[in-house]
Amino acid sequence: MRTTHWALLSKGVMNGKTTIPAKAWKEEYTKLTAERKTLNQRYLALKEEVKEAEKIRKSVYSILRQEQREQQPHRKQDMER
């Protein structure tokens, strides 16, 4: 597990320094921002996939329900005869 500068700051462990190392902080910030953008893009793509899968699932269930409705009246008519 990697330790970020933020974690070190919260613990007060910065080699006895009391200021934030600006260069290291900016590098970490840039890296984490890029990682967040990448993860957000993946999230949005997966969200679209889920939306499409839900549309397909609903269509399949709709077709199955329609087929069941079409089969039910035939059974009732057959039972009356």
PDB file of N, CA and C in Angstrom:
ATOM      1  N   MET A   1       0.846  -1.178   0.000  1.00  0.00           N
ATOM      2  CA  MET A   1       0.000   0.000   0.000  1.00  0.00           C
ATOM      3  C   MET A   1       0.886   1.233   0.000  1.00  0.00           C
ATOM      4  N   ARG A   2       0.609   2.141  -0.893  1.00  0.00           N
ATOM      5  CA  ARG A   2       1.478   3.301  -0.971  1.00  0.00           C
ATOM      6  C   ARG A   2       1.006   4.384  -0.005  1.00  0.00           C
ATOM      7  N   THR A   3       1.949   5.114   0.511  1.00  0.00           N
ATOM      8  CA  THR A   3       1.640   6.174   1.456  1.00  0.00           C
ATOM      9  C   THR A   3       1.750   7.494   0.719  1.00  0.00           C
ATOM     10  N   THR A   4       0.702   8.277   0.765  1.00  0.00           N
ATOM     11  CA  THR A   4       0.723   9.574   0.084  1.00  0.00           C
ATOM     12  C   THR A   4       1.276  10.642   1.010  1.00  0.00           C
ATOM     13  N   HIS A   5       1.607  11.751   0.425  1.00  0.00           N
ATOM     14  CA  HIS A   5       2.098  12.871   1.220  1.00  0.00           C
ATOM     15  C   HIS A   5       1.028  13.334   2.203  1.00  0.00           C
ATOM     16  N   TRP A   6      -0.219  13.244   1.773  1.00  0.00           N
ATOM     17  CA  TRP A   6      -1.316  13.658   2.659  1.00  0.00           C
ATOM     18  C   TRP A   6      -1.342  12.783   3.909  1.00  0.00           C
ATOM     19  N   ALA A   7      -1.144  11.495   3.727  1.00  0.00           N
ATOM     20  CA  ALA A   7      -1.138  10.590   4.875  1.00  0.00           C
ATOM     21  C   ALA A   7       0.030  10.913   5.795  1.00  0.00           C
ATOM     22  N   LEU A   8       1.163  11.206   5.186  1.00  0.00           N
ATOM     23  CA  LEU A   8       2.331  11.553   5.996  1.00  0.00           C
ATOM     24  C   LEU A   8       2.101  12.850   6.754  1.00  0.00           C
ATOM     25  N   LEU A   9       1.489  13.823   6.098  1.00  0.00           N
ATOM     26  CA  LEU A   9       1.206  15.093   6.757  1.00  0.00           C
ATOM     27  C   LEU A   9       0.265  14.905   7.937  1.00  0.00           C
ATOM     28  N   SER A  10      -0.765  14.072   7.736  1.00  0.00           N
ATOM     29  CA  SER A  10      -1.731  13.886   8.810  1.00  0.00           C
ATOM     30  C   SER A  10      -1.099  13.202  10.014  1.00  0.00           C
ATOM     31  N   LYS A  11      -0.067  12.413   9.773  1.00  0.00           N
ATOM     32  CA  LYS A  11       0.626  11.741  10.868  1.00  0.00           C
ATOM     33  C   LYS A  11       1.751  12.611  11.445  1.00  0.00           C
ATOM     34  N   GLY A  12       2.064  13.701  10.749  1.00  0.00           N
ATOM     35  CA  GLY A  12       3.146  14.572  11.202  1.00  0.00           C
ATOM     36  C   GLY A  12       4.511  14.020  10.885  1.00  0.00           C
ATOM     37  N   VAL A  13       4.597  13.174   9.861  1.00  0.00           N
ATOM     38  CA  VAL A  13       5.867  12.547   9.500  1.00  0.00           C
ATOM     39  C   VAL A  13       6.369  13.156   8.186  1.00  0.00           C
ATOM     40  N   MET A  14       7.163  14.159   8.281  1.00  0.00           N
ATOM     41  CA  MET A  14       7.734  14.780   7.087  1.00  0.00           C
ATOM     42  C   MET A  14       9.217  15.078   7.319  1.00  0.00           C
ATOM     43  N   ASN A  15       9.916  14.135   7.880  1.00  0.00           N
ATOM     44  CA  ASN A  15      11.349  14.276   8.152  1.00  0.00           C
ATOM     45  C   ASN A  15      11.644  15.514   8.986  1.00  0.00           C
ATOM     46  N   GLY A  16      10.801  15.822   9.926  1.00  0.00           N
ATOM     47  CA  GLY A  16      11.025  16.972  10.789  1.00  0.00           C
ATOM     48  C   GLY A  16      10.642  18.294  10.161  1.00  0.00           C
ATOM     49  N   LYS A  17      10.204  18.294   8.921  1.00  0.00           N
ATOM     50  CA  LYS A  17       9.819  19.537   8.250  1.00  0.00           C
ATOM     51  C   LYS A  17       8.375  19.865   8.605  1.00  0.00           C
ATOM     52  N   THR A  18       8.083  21.130   8.606  1.00  0.00           N
ATOM     53  CA  THR A  18       6.717  21.549   8.915  1.00  0.00           C
ATOM     54  C   THR A  18       5.992  22.077   7.685  1.00  0.00           C
ATOM     55  N   THR A  19       6.692  22.236   6.583  1.00  0.00           N
ATOM     56  CA  THR A  19       6.048  22.733   5.363  1.00  0.00           C
ATOM     57  C   THR A  19       5.837  21.596   4.383  1.00  0.00           C
ATOM     58  N   ILE A  20       4.883  21.785   3.513  1.00  0.00           N
ATOM     59  CA  ILE A  20       4.584  20.784   2.487  1.00  0.00           C
ATOM     60  C   ILE A  20       5.631  20.917   1.384  1.00  0.00           C
ATOM     61  N   PRO A  21       6.233  19.798   0.969  1.00  0.00           N
ATOM     62  CA  PRO A  21       7.169  19.864  -0.153  1.00  0.00           C
ATOM     63  C   PRO A  21       6.370  20.125  -1.436  1.00  0.00           C
ATOM     64  N   ALA A  22       6.398  21.353  -1.919  1.00  0.00           N
ATOM     65  CA  ALA A  22       5.548  21.795  -3.027  1.00  0.00           C
ATOM     66  C   ALA A  22       5.747  20.962  -4.291  1.00  0.00           C
ATOM     67  N   LYS A  23       6.969  20.673  -4.639  1.00  0.00           N
ATOM     68  CA  LYS A  23       7.227  19.925  -5.870  1.00  0.00           C
ATOM     69  C   LYS A  23       6.619  18.523  -5.794  1.00  0.00           C
ATOM     70  N   ALA A  24       6.854  17.839  -4.692  1.00  0.00           N
ATOM     71  CA  ALA A  24       6.317  16.485  -4.526  1.00  0.00           C
ATOM     72  C   ALA A  24       4.797  16.525  -4.482  1.00  0.00           C
ATOM     73  N   TRP A  25       4.236  17.532  -3.825  1.00  0.00           N
ATOM     74  CA  TRP A  25       2.788  17.658  -3.744  1.00  0.00           C
ATOM     75  C   TRP A  25       2.186  17.888  -5.128  1.00  0.00           C
ATOM     76  N   LYS A  26       2.804  18.767  -5.917  1.00  0.00           N
ATOM     77  CA  LYS A  26       2.296  19.052  -7.266  1.00  0.00           C
ATOM     78  C   LYS A  26       2.384  17.816  -8.160  1.00  0.00           C
ATOM     79  N   GLU A  27       3.481  17.062  -8.042  1.00  0.00           N
ATOM     80  CA  GLU A  27       3.619  15.837  -8.835  1.00  0.00           C
ATOM     81  C   GLU A  27       2.533  14.834  -8.465  1.00  0.00           C
ATOM     82  N   GLU A  28       2.327  14.666  -7.161  1.00  0.00           N
ATOM     83  CA  GLU A  28       1.302  13.730  -6.717  1.00  0.00           C
ATOM     84  C   GLU A  28      -0.087  14.203  -7.138  1.00  0.00           C
ATOM     85  N   TYR A  29      -0.329  15.493  -7.032  1.00  0.00           N
ATOM     86  CA  TYR A  29      -1.619  16.059  -7.424  1.00  0.00           C
ATOM     87  C   TYR A  29      -1.886  15.823  -8.906  1.00  0.00           C
ATOM     88  N   THR A  30      -0.877  16.060  -9.743  1.00  0.00           N
ATOM     89  CA  THR A  30      -1.005  15.854 -11.182  1.00  0.00           C
ATOM     90  C   THR A  30      -1.271  14.383 -11.495  1.00  0.00           C
ATOM     91  N   LYS A  31      -0.535  13.522 -10.834  1.00  0.00           N
ATOM     92  CA  LYS A  31      -0.696  12.079 -11.046  1.00  0.00           C
ATOM     93  C   LYS A  31      -2.095  11.620 -10.629  1.00  0.00           C
ATOM     94  N   LEU A  32      -2.524  12.045  -9.459  1.00  0.00           N
ATOM     95  CA  LEU A  32      -3.842  11.637  -8.968  1.00  0.00           C
ATOM     96  C   LEU A  32      -4.972  12.235  -9.805  1.00  0.00           C
ATOM     97  N   THR A  33      -4.795  13.440 -10.293  1.00  0.00           N
ATOM     98  CA  THR A  33      -5.800  14.061 -11.154  1.00  0.00           C
ATOM     99  C   THR A  33      -5.934  13.281 -12.456  1.00  0.00           C
ATOM    100  N   ALA A  34      -4.817  12.893 -13.034  1.00  0.00           N
ATOM    101  CA  ALA A  34      -4.846  12.099 -14.263  1.00  0.00           C
ATOM    102  C   ALA A  34      -5.500  10.744 -14.013  1.00  0.00           C
ATOM    103  N   GLU A  35      -5.172  10.136 -12.885  1.00  0.00           N
ATOM    104  CA  GLU A  35      -5.768   8.846 -12.530  1.00  0.00           C
ATOM    105  C   GLU A  35      -7.279   8.986 -12.356  1.00  0.00           C
ATOM    106  N   ARG A  36      -7.695  10.063 -11.716  1.00  0.00           N
ATOM    107  CA  ARG A  36      -9.126  10.303 -11.515  1.00  0.00           C
ATOM    108  C   ARG A  36      -9.844  10.473 -12.851  1.00  0.00           C
ATOM    109  N   LYS A  37      -9.233  11.205 -13.770  1.00  0.00           N
ATOM    110  CA  LYS A  37      -9.839  11.401 -15.091  1.00  0.00           C
ATOM    111  C   LYS A  37      -9.986  10.069 -15.823  1.00  0.00           C
ATOM    112  N   THR A  38      -8.959   9.245 -15.755  1.00  0.00           N
ATOM    113  CA  THR A  38      -9.006   7.934 -16.397  1.00  0.00           C
ATOM    114  C   THR A  38     -10.104   7.071 -15.790  1.00  0.00           C
ATOM    115  N   LEU A  39     -10.160   7.047 -14.465  1.00  0.00           N
ATOM    116  CA  LEU A  39     -11.183   6.250 -13.792  1.00  0.00           C
ATOM    117  C   LEU A  39     -12.586   6.786 -14.089  1.00  0.00           C
ATOM    118  N   ASN A  40     -12.718   8.096 -14.178  1.00  0.00           N
ATOM    119  CA  ASN A  40     -14.018   8.683 -14.483  1.00  0.00           C
ATOM    120  C   ASN A  40     -14.465   8.303 -15.891  1.00  0.00           C
ATOM    121  N   GLN A  41     -13.543   8.293 -16.838  1.00  0.00           N
ATOM    122  CA  GLN A  41     -13.871   7.881 -18.206  1.00  0.00           C
ATOM    123  C   GLN A  41     -14.318   6.421 -18.232  1.00  0.00           C
ATOM    124  N   ARG A  42     -13.605   5.567 -17.505  1.00  0.00           N
ATOM    125  CA  ARG A  42     -13.994   4.153 -17.424  1.00  0.00           C
ATOM    126  C   ARG A  42     -15.368   4.003 -16.798  1.00  0.00           C
ATOM    127  N   TYR A  43     -15.614   4.787 -15.738  1.00  0.00           N
ATOM    128  CA  TYR A  43     -16.902   4.745 -15.063  1.00  0.00           C
ATOM    129  C   TYR A  43     -18.029   5.130 -16.018  1.00  0.00           C
ATOM    130  N   LEU A  44     -17.840   6.203 -16.760  1.00  0.00           N
ATOM    131  CA  LEU A  44     -18.878   6.639 -17.689  1.00  0.00           C
ATOM    132  C   LEU A  44     -19.130   5.609 -18.782  1.00  0.00           C
ATOM    133  N   ALA A  45     -18.070   4.978 -19.267  1.00  0.00           N
ATOM    134  CA  ALA A  45     -18.224   3.940 -20.287  1.00  0.00           C
ATOM    135  C   ALA A  45     -18.991   2.745 -19.717  1.00  0.00           C
ATOM    136  N   LEU A  46     -18.636   2.337 -18.503  1.00  0.00           N
ATOM    137  CA  LEU A  46     -19.336   1.218 -17.866  1.00  0.00           C
ATOM    138  C   LEU A  46     -20.787   1.575 -17.568  1.00  0.00           C
ATOM    139  N   LYS A  47     -21.023   2.816 -17.211  1.00  0.00           N
ATOM    140  CA  LYS A  47     -22.390   3.270 -16.932  1.00  0.00           C
ATOM    141  C   LYS A  47     -23.246   3.148 -18.194  1.00  0.00           C
ATOM    142  N   GLU A  48     -22.675   3.499 -19.343  1.00  0.00           N
ATOM    143  CA  GLU A  48     -23.395   3.366 -20.615  1.00  0.00           C
ATOM    144  C   GLU A  48     -23.655   1.894 -20.939  1.00  0.00           C
ATOM    145  N   GLU A  49     -22.672   1.045 -20.666  1.00  0.00           N
ATOM    146  CA  GLU A  49     -22.852  -0.390 -20.904  1.00  0.00           C
ATOM    147  C   GLU A  49     -23.983  -0.945 -20.051  1.00  0.00           C
ATOM    148  N   VAL A  50     -24.031  -0.525 -18.800  1.00  0.00           N
ATOM    149  CA  VAL A  50     -25.089  -0.988 -17.903  1.00  0.00           C
ATOM    150  C   VAL A  50     -26.441  -0.502 -18.406  1.00  0.00           C
ATOM    151  N   LYS A  51     -26.494   0.727 -18.875  1.00  0.00           N
ATOM    152  CA  LYS A  51     -27.750   1.275 -19.394  1.00  0.00           C
ATOM    153  C   LYS A  51     -28.229   0.458 -20.593  1.00  0.00           C
ATOM    154  N   GLU A  52     -27.321   0.118 -21.487  1.00  0.00           N
ATOM    155  CA  GLU A  52     -27.673  -0.699 -22.652  1.00  0.00           C
ATOM    156  C   GLU A  52     -28.115  -2.105 -22.223  1.00  0.00           C
ATOM    157  N   ALA A  53     -27.412  -2.683 -21.266  1.00  0.00           N
ATOM    158  CA  ALA A  53     -27.772  -4.016 -20.780  1.00  0.00           C
ATOM    159  C   ALA A  53     -29.163  -3.996 -20.141  1.00  0.00           C
ATOM    160  N   GLU A  54     -29.486  -2.929 -19.427  1.00  0.00           N
ATOM    161  CA  GLU A  54     -30.812  -2.808 -18.822  1.00  0.00           C
ATOM    162  C   GLU A  54     -31.897  -2.699 -19.890  1.00  0.00           C
ATOM    163  N   LYS A  55     -31.606  -1.966 -20.957  1.00  0.00           N
ATOM    164  CA  LYS A  55     -32.575  -1.868 -22.062  1.00  0.00           C
ATOM    165  C   LYS A  55     -32.833  -3.252 -22.659  1.00  0.00           C
ATOM    166  N   ILE A  56     -31.775  -4.001 -22.875  1.00  0.00           N
ATOM    167  CA  ILE A  56     -31.892  -5.342 -23.445  1.00  0.00           C
ATOM    168  C   ILE A  56     -32.667  -6.245 -22.490  1.00  0.00           C
ATOM    169  N   ARG A  57     -32.333  -6.187 -21.193  1.00  0.00           N
ATOM    170  CA  ARG A  57     -33.019  -7.012 -20.201  1.00  0.00           C
ATOM    171  C   ARG A  57     -34.517  -6.704 -20.173  1.00  0.00           C
ATOM    172  N   LYS A  58     -34.863  -5.431 -20.196  1.00  0.00           N
ATOM    173  CA  LYS A  58     -36.269  -5.048 -20.173  1.00  0.00           C
ATOM    174  C   LYS A  58     -36.987  -5.522 -21.430  1.00  0.00           C
ATOM    175  N   SER A  59     -36.312  -5.439 -22.569  1.00  0.00           N
ATOM    176  CA  SER A  59     -36.915  -5.900 -23.821  1.00  0.00           C
ATOM    177  C   SER A  59     -37.159  -7.405 -23.782  1.00  0.00           C
ATOM    178  N   VAL A  60     -36.200  -8.145 -23.277  1.00  0.00           N
ATOM    179  CA  VAL A  60     -36.340  -9.599 -23.188  1.00  0.00           C
ATOM    180  C   VAL A  60     -37.500  -9.958 -22.271  1.00  0.00           C
ATOM    181  N   TYR A  61     -37.567  -9.331 -21.101  1.00  0.00           N
ATOM    182  CA  TYR A  61     -38.677  -9.616 -20.180  1.00  0.00           C
ATOM    183  C   TYR A  61     -40.019  -9.229 -20.782  1.00  0.00           C
ATOM    184  N   SER A  62     -40.040  -8.131 -21.528  1.00  0.00           N
ATOM    185  CA  SER A  62     -41.279  -7.711 -22.171  1.00  0.00           C
ATOM    186  C   SER A  62     -41.740  -8.756 -23.194  1.00  0.00           C
ATOM    187  N   ILE A  63     -40.806  -9.253 -23.975  1.00  0.00           N
ATOM    188  CA  ILE A  63     -41.131 -10.283 -24.970  1.00  0.00           C
ATOM    189  C   ILE A  63     -41.610 -11.556 -24.278  1.00  0.00           C
ATOM    190  N   LEU A  64     -40.938 -11.953 -23.205  1.00  0.00           N
ATOM    191  CA  LEU A  64     -41.342 -13.160 -22.478  1.00  0.00           C
ATOM    192  C   LEU A  64     -42.740 -13.005 -21.879  1.00  0.00           C
ATOM    193  N   ARG A  65     -43.029 -11.853 -21.316  1.00  0.00           N
ATOM    194  CA  ARG A  65     -44.369 -11.625 -20.756  1.00  0.00           C
ATOM    195  C   ARG A  65     -45.432 -11.666 -21.852  1.00  0.00           C
ATOM    196  N   GLN A  66     -45.101 -11.073 -22.998  1.00  0.00           N
ATOM    197  CA  GLN A  66     -46.052 -11.078 -24.115  1.00  0.00           C
ATOM    198  C   GLN A  66     -46.323 -12.509 -24.582  1.00  0.00           C
ATOM    199  N   GLU A  67     -45.283 -13.321 -24.671  1.00  0.00           N
ATOM    200  CA  GLU A  67     -45.457 -14.715 -25.075  1.00  0.00           C
ATOM    201  C   GLU A  67     -46.298 -15.476 -24.061  1.00  0.00           C
ATOM    202  N   GLN A  68     -46.086 -15.213 -22.780  1.00  0.00           N
ATOM    203  CA  GLN A  68     -46.880 -15.883 -21.746  1.00  0.00           C
ATOM    204  C   GLN A  68     -48.350 -15.484 -21.852  1.00  0.00           C
ATOM    205  N   ARG A  69     -48.621 -14.209 -22.121  1.00  0.00           N
ATOM    206  CA  ARG A  69     -50.004 -13.759 -22.275  1.00  0.00           C
ATOM    207  C   ARG A  69     -50.673 -14.424 -23.471  1.00  0.00           C
ATOM    208  N   GLU A  70     -49.909 -14.588 -24.540  1.00  0.00           N
ATOM    209  CA  GLU A  70     -50.464 -15.213 -25.739  1.00  0.00           C
ATOM    210  C   GLU A  70     -50.773 -16.692 -25.496  1.00  0.00           C
ATOM    211  N   GLN A  71     -49.998 -17.344 -24.659  1.00  0.00           N
ATOM    212  CA  GLN A  71     -50.206 -18.761 -24.387  1.00  0.00           C
ATOM    213  C   GLN A  71     -51.323 -18.998 -23.373  1.00  0.00           C
ATOM    214  N   GLN A  72     -51.552 -18.096 -22.462  1.00  0.00           N
ATOM    215  CA  GLN A  72     -52.554 -18.289 -21.420  1.00  0.00           C
ATOM    216  C   GLN A  72     -53.983 -18.414 -21.957  1.00  0.00           C
ATOM    217  N   PRO A  73     -54.457 -17.565 -22.867  1.00  0.00           N
ATOM    218  CA  PRO A  73     -55.838 -17.715 -23.340  1.00  0.00           C
ATOM    219  C   PRO A  73     -56.082 -19.063 -24.010  1.00  0.00           C
ATOM    220  N   HIS A  74     -55.121 -19.584 -24.708  1.00  0.00           N
ATOM    221  CA  HIS A  74     -55.264 -20.885 -25.342  1.00  0.00           C
ATOM    222  C   HIS A  74     -55.503 -21.975 -24.318  1.00  0.00           C
ATOM    223  N   ARG A  75     -54.839 -21.898 -23.193  1.00  0.00           N
ATOM    224  CA  ARG A  75     -54.990 -22.893 -22.137  1.00  0.00           C
ATOM    225  C   ARG A  75     -56.416 -22.819 -21.566  1.00  0.00           C
ATOM    226  N   LYS A  76     -56.915 -21.605 -21.354  1.00  0.00           N
ATOM    227  CA  LYS A  76     -58.257 -21.457 -20.798  1.00  0.00           C
ATOM    228  C   LYS A  76     -59.312 -21.984 -21.758  1.00  0.00           C
ATOM    229  N   GLN A  77     -59.129 -21.714 -23.033  1.00  0.00           N
ATOM    230  CA  GLN A  77     -60.081 -22.207 -24.026  1.00  0.00           C
ATOM    231  C   GLN A  77     -60.045 -23.726 -24.115  1.00  0.00           C
ATOM    232  N   ASP A  78     -58.853 -24.282 -24.036  1.00  0.00           N
ATOM    233  CA  ASP A  78     -58.721 -25.738 -24.082  1.00  0.00           C
ATOM    234  C   ASP A  78     -59.383 -26.386 -22.861  1.00  0.00           C
ATOM    235  N   MET A  79     -59.315 -25.753 -21.728  1.00  0.00           N
ATOM    236  CA  MET A  79     -59.895 -26.312 -20.502  1.00  0.00           C
ATOM    237  C   MET A  79     -61.421 -26.267 -20.545  1.00  0.00           C
ATOM    238  N   GLU A  80     -62.001 -25.261 -21.210  1.00  0.00           N
ATOM    239  CA  GLU A  80     -63.456 -25.138 -21.292  1.00  0.00           C
ATOM    240  C   GLU A  80     -64.052 -26.210 -22.189  1.00  0.00           C
ATOM    241  N   ARG A  81     -63.345 -26.659 -23.134  1.00  0.00           N
ATOM    242  CA  ARG A  81     -63.864 -27.632 -24.110  1.00  0.00           C
ATOM    243  C   ARG A  81     -63.988 -28.983 -23.549  1.00  0.00           C
TER     244      ARG A  81
END
